[in-house]
Amino acid sequence: KYTPAGGVVTVRWLQDARGLVFEVQDTGIGIAPQHIPRLTERFYRVDVGRSRARGGTGLGLAIVKHVLLRHQGRLEIESALGKGSVFRCIFPAALANHLRVS
């Protein structure tokens, strides 16, 4: 929704020193730094006018945050305007004993 035509969205599962990592990276419009801390607030929208045109309720990342908390995980967000964003769901390494990443 925030990656223009011709852009790329990459989804990865990996395991590293942090634990199990589910990562979504795009080459979209990016997010200004002042908005990143608030992205997981319920109903928060970076630009209400543009968000309504694209759809959505502002609940997606709030739900992700709560699911991660239930699994002792955390969310990392990196973004640069005009370059894109990376969203990482990081689960504790202890979960690797119960799941298999391939």
N, C-alpha and C. Protein backbone atom coordinates (compact mmCIF):
# COMPACT_ATOMS: atom_id res chain seq x y z
N LYS A 1 0.82 -1.19 0.00
CA LYS A 1 0.00 0.00 0.00
C LYS A 1 0.87 1.26 0.00
N TYR A 2 2.07 1.18 0.60
CA TYR A 2 2.95 2.35 0.64
C TYR A 2 4.18 2.19 -0.25
N THR A 3 4.17 1.17 -1.09
CA THR A 3 5.26 0.96 -2.05
C THR A 3 4.70 1.20 -3.45
N PRO A 4 5.23 2.17 -4.18
CA PRO A 4 4.69 2.47 -5.51
C PRO A 4 4.92 1.33 -6.50
N ALA A 5 4.19 1.39 -7.61
CA ALA A 5 4.36 0.40 -8.69
C ALA A 5 5.84 0.36 -9.07
N GLY A 6 6.34 -0.85 -9.26
CA GLY A 6 7.75 -1.03 -9.59
C GLY A 6 8.64 -1.15 -8.36
N GLY A 7 8.08 -0.88 -7.18
CA GLY A 7 8.85 -1.03 -5.94
C GLY A 7 8.95 -2.50 -5.55
N VAL A 8 9.72 -2.76 -4.52
CA VAL A 8 9.97 -4.13 -4.08
C VAL A 8 9.61 -4.28 -2.61
N VAL A 9 8.92 -5.37 -2.28
CA VAL A 9 8.66 -5.75 -0.89
C VAL A 9 9.30 -7.12 -0.69
N THR A 10 10.17 -7.22 0.30
CA THR A 10 10.89 -8.46 0.58
C THR A 10 10.49 -8.96 1.96
N VAL A 11 10.16 -10.25 2.06
CA VAL A 11 9.79 -10.88 3.33
C VAL A 11 10.81 -11.96 3.62
N ARG A 12 11.33 -11.99 4.86
CA ARG A 12 12.35 -12.98 5.24
C ARG A 12 12.07 -13.54 6.64
N TRP A 13 12.43 -14.79 6.83
CA TRP A 13 12.54 -15.41 8.15
C TRP A 13 14.01 -15.74 8.31
N LEU A 14 14.59 -15.43 9.46
CA LEU A 14 15.97 -15.81 9.70
C LEU A 14 16.19 -16.01 11.19
N GLN A 15 17.28 -16.64 11.51
CA GLN A 15 17.67 -16.82 12.89
C GLN A 15 19.06 -16.25 13.05
N ASP A 16 19.23 -15.39 14.06
CA ASP A 16 20.55 -14.82 14.32
C ASP A 16 20.72 -14.66 15.82
N ALA A 17 21.70 -13.89 16.25
CA ALA A 17 22.00 -13.73 17.67
C ALA A 17 20.83 -13.14 18.46
N ARG A 18 19.96 -12.39 17.80
CA ARG A 18 18.81 -11.79 18.47
C ARG A 18 17.70 -12.78 18.72
N GLY A 19 17.65 -13.85 17.92
CA GLY A 19 16.57 -14.84 18.01
C GLY A 19 16.02 -15.14 16.64
N LEU A 20 14.72 -15.41 16.58
CA LEU A 20 14.04 -15.63 15.31
C LEU A 20 13.51 -14.30 14.81
N VAL A 21 13.78 -13.98 13.57
CA VAL A 21 13.44 -12.66 13.04
C VAL A 21 12.57 -12.81 11.80
N PHE A 22 11.39 -12.18 11.85
CA PHE A 22 10.51 -12.08 10.68
C PHE A 22 10.64 -10.64 10.21
N GLU A 23 11.07 -10.45 8.97
CA GLU A 23 11.40 -9.11 8.48
C GLU A 23 10.64 -8.80 7.20
N VAL A 24 10.08 -7.61 7.14
CA VAL A 24 9.43 -7.11 5.92
C VAL A 24 10.14 -5.81 5.56
N GLN A 25 10.68 -5.76 4.35
CA GLN A 25 11.41 -4.59 3.88
C GLN A 25 10.78 -4.11 2.58
N ASP A 26 10.65 -2.78 2.43
CA ASP A 26 10.10 -2.25 1.19
C ASP A 26 10.95 -1.11 0.66
N THR A 27 10.69 -0.77 -0.59
CA THR A 27 11.35 0.37 -1.22
C THR A 27 10.31 1.48 -1.42
N GLY A 28 9.46 1.62 -0.42
CA GLY A 28 8.34 2.56 -0.51
C GLY A 28 8.71 3.99 -0.17
N ILE A 29 7.70 4.73 0.28
CA ILE A 29 7.84 6.16 0.51
C ILE A 29 8.61 6.49 1.77
N GLY A 30 8.73 5.55 2.69
CA GLY A 30 9.45 5.79 3.94
C GLY A 30 8.59 6.53 4.95
N ILE A 31 9.11 6.63 6.16
CA ILE A 31 8.39 7.25 7.28
C ILE A 31 9.33 8.24 7.95
N ALA A 32 8.84 9.44 8.20
CA ALA A 32 9.65 10.46 8.87
C ALA A 32 9.98 10.00 10.30
N PRO A 33 11.19 10.30 10.78
CA PRO A 33 11.64 9.81 12.09
C PRO A 33 10.71 10.15 13.25
N GLN A 34 10.07 11.32 13.22
CA GLN A 34 9.22 11.72 14.34
C GLN A 34 7.97 10.85 14.47
N HIS A 35 7.60 10.13 13.42
CA HIS A 35 6.41 9.28 13.47
C HIS A 35 6.69 7.87 13.97
N ILE A 36 7.92 7.41 13.84
CA ILE A 36 8.23 6.01 14.14
C ILE A 36 7.85 5.61 15.57
N PRO A 37 8.14 6.41 16.61
CA PRO A 37 7.78 5.98 17.97
C PRO A 37 6.27 5.81 18.18
N ARG A 38 5.45 6.43 17.35
CA ARG A 38 4.00 6.38 17.54
C ARG A 38 3.30 5.37 16.64
N LEU A 39 4.01 4.71 15.75
CA LEU A 39 3.38 3.82 14.77
C LEU A 39 2.60 2.67 15.39
N THR A 40 2.96 2.25 16.61
CA THR A 40 2.26 1.13 17.24
C THR A 40 1.10 1.57 18.13
N GLU A 41 0.81 2.86 18.15
CA GLU A 41 -0.36 3.35 18.89
C GLU A 41 -1.63 3.02 18.10
N ARG A 42 -2.66 2.60 18.81
CA ARG A 42 -3.92 2.31 18.13
C ARG A 42 -4.45 3.55 17.41
N PHE A 43 -4.87 3.37 16.18
CA PHE A 43 -5.49 4.40 15.34
C PHE A 43 -4.54 5.51 14.89
N TYR A 44 -3.24 5.38 15.18
CA TYR A 44 -2.30 6.42 14.75
C TYR A 44 -2.07 6.32 13.24
N ARG A 45 -2.12 7.46 12.58
CA ARG A 45 -1.85 7.54 11.14
C ARG A 45 -0.86 8.66 10.91
N VAL A 46 0.12 8.42 10.06
CA VAL A 46 1.13 9.43 9.77
C VAL A 46 0.49 10.63 9.10
N ASP A 47 -0.34 10.40 8.10
CA ASP A 47 -1.01 11.47 7.36
C ASP A 47 -2.45 11.02 7.16
N VAL A 48 -3.34 11.56 7.97
CA VAL A 48 -4.73 11.10 7.97
C VAL A 48 -5.36 11.20 6.59
N GLY A 49 -5.12 12.28 5.86
CA GLY A 49 -5.71 12.44 4.53
C GLY A 49 -5.27 11.36 3.56
N ARG A 50 -3.97 11.12 3.49
CA ARG A 50 -3.46 10.08 2.58
C ARG A 50 -3.84 8.69 3.05
N SER A 51 -3.84 8.47 4.36
CA SER A 51 -4.15 7.14 4.88
C SER A 51 -5.58 6.73 4.55
N ARG A 52 -6.50 7.67 4.64
CA ARG A 52 -7.90 7.33 4.33
C ARG A 52 -8.05 6.94 2.87
N ALA A 53 -7.32 7.63 2.00
CA ALA A 53 -7.39 7.31 0.57
C ALA A 53 -6.84 5.92 0.30
N ARG A 54 -5.88 5.48 1.09
CA ARG A 54 -5.27 4.16 0.90
C ARG A 54 -5.96 3.08 1.70
N GLY A 55 -6.85 3.45 2.58
CA GLY A 55 -7.54 2.46 3.40
C GLY A 55 -6.77 2.20 4.69
N GLY A 56 -7.36 1.36 5.52
CA GLY A 56 -6.72 1.02 6.79
C GLY A 56 -7.34 1.78 7.94
N THR A 57 -7.08 1.25 9.14
CA THR A 57 -7.66 1.83 10.34
C THR A 57 -6.62 2.34 11.32
N GLY A 58 -5.36 2.07 11.06
CA GLY A 58 -4.33 2.44 12.02
C GLY A 58 -4.20 1.43 13.15
N LEU A 59 -4.67 0.21 12.94
CA LEU A 59 -4.60 -0.82 13.97
C LEU A 59 -3.53 -1.88 13.72
N GLY A 60 -3.07 -2.02 12.50
CA GLY A 60 -2.18 -3.13 12.14
C GLY A 60 -0.96 -3.28 13.01
N LEU A 61 -0.16 -2.23 13.15
CA LEU A 61 1.07 -2.34 13.93
C LEU A 61 0.79 -2.40 15.43
N ALA A 62 -0.34 -1.85 15.88
CA ALA A 62 -0.73 -2.00 17.28
C ALA A 62 -1.01 -3.47 17.60
N ILE A 63 -1.67 -4.15 16.68
CA ILE A 63 -1.95 -5.59 16.86
C ILE A 63 -0.64 -6.37 16.84
N VAL A 64 0.23 -6.06 15.90
CA VAL A 64 1.54 -6.74 15.82
C VAL A 64 2.29 -6.59 17.15
N LYS A 65 2.31 -5.38 17.69
CA LYS A 65 3.01 -5.13 18.95
C LYS A 65 2.47 -6.01 20.07
N HIS A 66 1.15 -6.12 20.18
CA HIS A 66 0.55 -6.92 21.25
C HIS A 66 0.78 -8.41 21.06
N VAL A 67 0.75 -8.89 19.83
CA VAL A 67 1.06 -10.30 19.57
C VAL A 67 2.50 -10.59 19.98
N LEU A 68 3.41 -9.71 19.61
CA LEU A 68 4.81 -9.90 19.97
C LEU A 68 5.01 -9.90 21.48
N LEU A 69 4.33 -9.01 22.18
CA LEU A 69 4.44 -8.97 23.64
C LEU A 69 4.00 -10.29 24.26
N ARG A 70 2.95 -10.90 23.71
CA ARG A 70 2.47 -12.20 24.23
C ARG A 70 3.49 -13.31 24.03
N HIS A 71 4.40 -13.12 23.09
CA HIS A 71 5.43 -14.12 22.80
C HIS A 71 6.82 -13.65 23.22
N GLN A 72 6.86 -12.67 24.12
CA GLN A 72 8.11 -12.09 24.62
C GLN A 72 8.98 -11.56 23.48
N GLY A 73 8.35 -11.10 22.42
CA GLY A 73 9.08 -10.57 21.27
C GLY A 73 9.07 -9.05 21.27
N ARG A 74 9.67 -8.50 20.24
CA ARG A 74 9.68 -7.03 20.10
C ARG A 74 9.65 -6.65 18.62
N LEU A 75 9.28 -5.41 18.37
CA LEU A 75 9.20 -4.89 17.01
C LEU A 75 10.27 -3.82 16.84
N GLU A 76 11.02 -3.93 15.75
CA GLU A 76 11.99 -2.89 15.38
C GLU A 76 11.54 -2.29 14.06
N ILE A 77 11.62 -0.96 13.96
CA ILE A 77 11.24 -0.27 12.73
C ILE A 77 12.38 0.67 12.34
N GLU A 78 12.82 0.54 11.10
CA GLU A 78 13.80 1.47 10.52
C GLU A 78 13.20 2.03 9.25
N SER A 79 13.42 3.31 9.00
CA SER A 79 12.86 3.90 7.79
C SER A 79 13.64 5.13 7.38
N ALA A 80 13.63 5.40 6.08
CA ALA A 80 14.23 6.61 5.52
C ALA A 80 13.28 7.14 4.46
N LEU A 81 12.94 8.41 4.55
CA LEU A 81 12.03 9.01 3.58
C LEU A 81 12.56 8.85 2.16
N GLY A 82 11.69 8.40 1.28
CA GLY A 82 12.05 8.22 -0.11
C GLY A 82 12.84 6.97 -0.41
N LYS A 83 13.19 6.21 0.62
CA LYS A 83 14.00 5.00 0.42
C LYS A 83 13.28 3.72 0.85
N GLY A 84 12.42 3.82 1.85
CA GLY A 84 11.69 2.64 2.29
C GLY A 84 11.84 2.36 3.77
N SER A 85 11.30 1.22 4.18
CA SER A 85 11.25 0.85 5.59
C SER A 85 11.57 -0.62 5.78
N VAL A 86 11.98 -0.94 7.01
CA VAL A 86 12.18 -2.33 7.42
C VAL A 86 11.45 -2.50 8.74
N PHE A 87 10.59 -3.52 8.80
CA PHE A 87 9.86 -3.87 10.01
C PHE A 87 10.34 -5.25 10.43
N ARG A 88 10.84 -5.38 11.67
CA ARG A 88 11.34 -6.66 12.16
C ARG A 88 10.58 -7.10 13.40
N CYS A 89 10.04 -8.31 13.34
CA CYS A 89 9.43 -8.96 14.50
C CYS A 89 10.49 -9.92 15.03
N ILE A 90 10.95 -9.67 16.25
CA ILE A 90 12.04 -10.47 16.80
C ILE A 90 11.51 -11.28 17.97
N PHE A 91 11.61 -12.60 17.83
CA PHE A 91 11.16 -13.53 18.86
C PHE A 91 12.38 -14.06 19.61
N PRO A 92 12.24 -14.37 20.91
CA PRO A 92 13.38 -14.87 21.68
C PRO A 92 13.99 -16.13 21.08
N ALA A 93 15.30 -16.26 21.24
CA ALA A 93 16.01 -17.43 20.72
C ALA A 93 15.46 -18.73 21.30
N ALA A 94 14.91 -18.68 22.51
CA ALA A 94 14.36 -19.89 23.14
C ALA A 94 13.24 -20.50 22.30
N LEU A 95 12.55 -19.70 21.51
CA LEU A 95 11.49 -20.23 20.65
C LEU A 95 12.04 -21.10 19.54
N ALA A 96 13.31 -20.93 19.22
CA ALA A 96 13.91 -21.72 18.14
C ALA A 96 13.86 -23.21 18.46
N ASN A 97 13.81 -23.56 19.74
CA ASN A 97 13.72 -24.97 20.13
C ASN A 97 12.37 -25.56 19.75
N HIS A 98 11.35 -24.72 19.62
CA HIS A 98 9.99 -25.19 19.33
C HIS A 98 9.60 -25.02 17.87
N LEU A 99 10.32 -24.16 17.17
CA LEU A 99 10.01 -23.88 15.76
C LEU A 99 11.21 -24.23 14.90
N ARG A 100 10.95 -24.50 13.66
CA ARG A 100 12.03 -24.77 12.72
C ARG A 100 11.97 -23.75 11.59
N VAL A 101 13.03 -23.00 11.40
CA VAL A 101 13.10 -22.01 10.34
C VAL A 101 13.86 -22.64 9.18
N SER A 102 13.24 -22.64 8.00
CA SER A 102 13.93 -23.20 6.84
C SER A 102 13.89 -22.24 5.67
